[in-house]
C-alpha cells in the first residue's frame, strides 16, 4: 500500500515554517509572518565563512536554518569564543531597530544556512501595523532583560567577576 506523499514545499513554505517556529516571531500574526517569509533571503556559508565580523555595521537579523555558528570577540588581538548559535536561533535583531556595530564575529563552524531579514523590509512591514511594532519592541526588550538576568546570575557565581552589566538600565 502506498503512503500518501506530502506535496513538495516551496521555499516560501519552508521560510514560513521556520519563522513560525522561531520564538521571537511567535507573537506575530500569521499575516505578518507570511510577508516576512516572502522578504527573507537565504544565504549559505562555508565552514570558516563569516556571517558578519566584529566592528561591522549592518541592518539585518538572521535565523540559523542549518549548521552551527561560533561567536567570537577580539580584544587587544586576543580572540575569545562566547558560545555557539544553534539551528532555529534568531540573532542580530537589534540591527532591525537601528544601525548597530557588531560587537562579535559570527563564523560558520560547518556549512550553514541563514534566513536574512533586512531592516528596511522589516520596518516597512512594521510601519503598516503599529501594534506589531510594539510587540516587536517588547520582544527585543524582553530578550535583553532575559540576557542580562542570566549574566547577573552567572556573575554572582564567579568571585570578583570583572563584568559590568546594566543594559536594562539604559
Foldseek 3Di string as FASTA:
>chain_A
DDDDDDPDDDQLVVQLVLLCLAPLNVPPDSVLSSLQSVQWDKDKAAAFGWPDAQFDWFQKKKAWADAKKWKWAADPNDIDTDGMDDHSYIDPCVSLVDTDGHRIIIGTNHITMIIMHGNVSSVVSCVVPVVVVVSSVVSVLVVLVVVVVVVVVVVVVDPPDPDDDDPNVD
